[in-house]
C-alpha atoms as a PDB file:
ATOM      1  CA  MET A   1       0.067   0.018  -0.049  1.00  0.00           C
ATOM      2  CA  GLN A   2       1.189   3.436  -0.983  1.00  0.00           C
ATOM      3  CA  SER A   3       1.931   5.696   1.968  1.00  0.00           C
ATOM      4  CA  TRP A   4       0.088   9.011   1.859  1.00  0.00           C
ATOM      5  CA  PHE A   5       3.211  11.086   2.383  1.00  0.00           C
ATOM      6  CA  LYS A   6       5.528   9.281  -0.073  1.00  0.00           C
ATOM      7  CA  LEU A   7       5.554  10.355  -3.717  1.00  0.00           C
ATOM      8  CA  ARG A   8       5.219   7.705  -6.398  1.00  0.00           C
ATOM      9  CA  GLU A   9       8.183   7.051  -8.493  1.00  0.00           C
ATOM     10  CA  ALA A  10       6.665   8.043 -11.804  1.00  0.00           C
ATOM     11  CA  CYS A  11       3.387   9.405 -13.093  1.00  0.00           C
ATOM     12  CA  ALA A  12       0.758   6.641 -13.766  1.00  0.00           C
ATOM     13  CA  GLN A  13      -0.372   8.438 -17.055  1.00  0.00           C
ATOM     14  CA  CYS A  14       2.791   9.720 -18.760  1.00  0.00           C
ATOM     15  CA  GLY A  15       5.572   7.758 -16.979  1.00  0.00           C
ATOM     16  CA  LEU A  16       7.314  11.082 -15.955  1.00  0.00           C
ATOM     17  CA  ARG A  17       9.838  10.264 -13.252  1.00  0.00           C
ATOM     18  CA  PHE A  18       9.366  12.520 -10.016  1.00  0.00           C
ATOM     19  CA  GLU A  19      13.056  12.055  -8.972  1.00  0.00           C
ATOM     20  CA  ARG A  20      15.311  14.095 -11.317  1.00  0.00           C
ATOM     21  CA  ASP A  21      18.316  11.615 -10.949  1.00  0.00           C
ATOM     22  CA  GLU A  22      20.633  13.669 -13.325  1.00  0.00           C
ATOM     23  CA  GLU A  23      21.113  16.236 -10.529  1.00  0.00           C
ATOM     24  CA  GLU A  24      22.749  15.120  -7.564  1.00  0.00           C
ATOM     25  CA  ASP A  25      21.522  18.021  -5.380  1.00  0.00           C
ATOM     26  CA  TYR A  26      17.979  17.930  -6.719  1.00  0.00           C
ATOM     27  CA  TRP A  27      16.675  17.372  -3.143  1.00  0.00           C
ATOM     28  CA  LEU A  28      18.095  20.735  -2.073  1.00  0.00           C
ATOM     29  CA  GLY A  29      15.318  22.762  -3.682  1.00  0.00           C
ATOM     30  CA  ALA A  30      12.468  20.742  -2.024  1.00  0.00           C
ATOM     31  CA  TYR A  31      14.485  21.011   1.263  1.00  0.00           C
ATOM     32  CA  LEU A  32      14.643  24.814   0.847  1.00  0.00           C
ATOM     33  CA  LEU A  33      10.959  25.153  -0.032  1.00  0.00           C
ATOM     34  CA  ASN A  34      10.006  23.102   2.975  1.00  0.00           C
ATOM     35  CA  PHE A  35      12.277  25.304   5.247  1.00  0.00           C
ATOM     36  CA  ILE A  36      10.826  28.483   3.875  1.00  0.00           C
ATOM     37  CA  VAL A  37       7.323  27.382   4.362  1.00  0.00           C
ATOM     38  CA  THR A  38       7.968  26.183   7.875  1.00  0.00           C
ATOM     39  CA  GLU A  39       9.784  29.337   8.925  1.00  0.00           C
ATOM     40  CA  VAL A  40       7.036  31.506   7.504  1.00  0.00           C
ATOM     41  CA  LEU A  41       4.276  29.798   9.198  1.00  0.00           C
ATOM     42  CA  PHE A  42       6.190  29.852  12.548  1.00  0.00           C
ATOM     43  CA  ALA A  43       6.531  33.705  12.064  1.00  0.00           C
ATOM     44  CA  LEU A  44       2.661  33.835  11.297  1.00  0.00           C
ATOM     45  CA  ILE A  45       1.811  31.786  14.369  1.00  0.00           C
ATOM     46  CA  LEU A  46       4.278  33.793  16.504  1.00  0.00           C
ATOM     47  CA  ALA A  47       2.614  37.093  15.310  1.00  0.00           C
ATOM     48  CA  VAL A  48      -0.814  35.853  15.996  1.00  0.00           C
ATOM     49  CA  VAL A  49      -0.081  34.604  19.534  1.00  0.00           C
ATOM     50  CA  ILE A  50       1.503  37.949  20.298  1.00  0.00           C
ATOM     51  CA  VAL A  51      -1.351  40.053  18.919  1.00  0.00           C
ATOM     52  CA  ILE A  52      -3.903  37.975  20.645  1.00  0.00           C
ATOM     53  CA  THR A  53      -2.099  38.216  24.104  1.00  0.00           C
ATOM     54  CA  TRP A  54      -1.002  41.795  23.747  1.00  0.00           C
ATOM     55  CA  PRO A  55       0.129  43.713  26.043  1.00  0.00           C
ATOM     56  CA  GLU A  56       1.332  40.670  28.101  1.00  0.00           C
ATOM     57  CA  PRO A  57       2.649  38.376  25.352  1.00  0.00           C
ATOM     58  CA  ALA A  58       2.385  34.651  26.269  1.00  0.00           C
ATOM     59  CA  TRP A  59       6.000  33.850  25.529  1.00  0.00           C
ATOM     60  CA  MET A  60       5.954  30.267  26.840  1.00  0.00           C
ATOM     61  CA  THR A  61       2.819  29.414  24.946  1.00  0.00           C
ATOM     62  CA  ALA A  62       4.519  30.744  21.788  1.00  0.00           C
ATOM     63  CA  VAL A  63       7.634  28.722  22.592  1.00  0.00           C
ATOM     64  CA  TRP A  64       5.771  25.352  22.867  1.00  0.00           C
ATOM     65  CA  ILE A  65       3.598  25.983  19.830  1.00  0.00           C
ATOM     66  CA  GLY A  66       6.523  26.838  18.006  1.00  0.00           C
ATOM     67  CA  VAL A  67       8.412  23.656  19.190  1.00  0.00           C
ATOM     68  CA  VAL A  68       5.451  21.504  18.098  1.00  0.00           C
ATOM     69  CA  GLN A  69       5.012  23.362  14.734  1.00  0.00           C
ATOM     70  CA  MET A  70       8.673  23.270  13.830  1.00  0.00           C
ATOM     71  CA  CYS A  71       8.702  19.526  14.367  1.00  0.00           C
ATOM     72  CA  VAL A  72       5.454  18.548  12.606  1.00  0.00           C
ATOM     73  CA  THR A  73       5.389  20.955   9.643  1.00  0.00           C
ATOM     74  CA  PRO A  74       8.459  19.760   7.873  1.00  0.00           C
ATOM     75  CA  ILE A  75       7.370  16.129   8.118  1.00  0.00           C
ATOM     76  CA  LEU A  76       3.936  16.930   6.906  1.00  0.00           C
ATOM     77  CA  PHE A  77       4.741  19.426   4.128  1.00  0.00           C
ATOM     78  CA  TYR A  78       7.563  17.449   2.594  1.00  0.00           C
ATOM     79  CA  PRO A  79       5.742  15.496  -0.006  1.00  0.00           C
ATOM     80  CA  PHE A  80       3.905  18.668  -0.996  1.00  0.00           C
ATOM     81  CA  ALA A  81       7.472  20.646  -1.222  1.00  0.00           C
ATOM     82  CA  LYS A  82       8.750  17.801  -3.463  1.00  0.00           C
ATOM     83  CA  ALA A  83       5.893  18.135  -5.704  1.00  0.00           C
ATOM     84  CA  LEU A  84       5.925  21.837  -5.934  1.00  0.00           C
ATOM     85  CA  TRP A  85       9.626  21.791  -6.509  1.00  0.00           C
ATOM     86  CA  LEU A  86       9.257  19.327  -9.192  1.00  0.00           C
ATOM     87  CA  ALA A  87       6.602  21.653 -10.902  1.00  0.00           C
ATOM     88  CA  ILE A  88       8.869  24.597 -10.623  1.00  0.00           C
ATOM     89  CA  ASP A  89      11.726  22.644 -12.084  1.00  0.00           C
ATOM     90  CA  LEU A  90       9.600  21.396 -14.942  1.00  0.00           C
ATOM     91  CA  VAL A  91       8.779  25.072 -15.749  1.00  0.00           C
ATOM     92  CA  PHE A  92      12.523  25.786 -16.200  1.00  0.00           C
ATOM     93  CA  ARG A  93      13.883  22.596 -17.421  1.00  0.00           C
ATOM     94  CA  PRO A  94      11.060  20.868 -19.265  1.00  0.00           C
ATOM     95  CA  VAL A  95      11.244  17.112 -20.127  1.00  0.00           C
ATOM     96  CA  ALA A  96      12.393  16.674 -23.663  1.00  0.00           C
END
């Protein structure tokens, strides 16, 4: 059974491989996209916690929410980051 967070090796319709093997550092783009989304989401959550609890910001609440979010988001978003990075890569380097 296919895991919900793992990409298939290739498209069932056209056979396009989702891993661009010719590039050793291809994973770096997906990693960077995943990192950016995680950090931006953390900044948004932090801003919301500070605004909601102003004038006495709940720093410990923000820290614990941040710890959980920073651990969970990269794991859950990684397959989407790989798929998005593949889409971006295909725009700039289409399959011949």
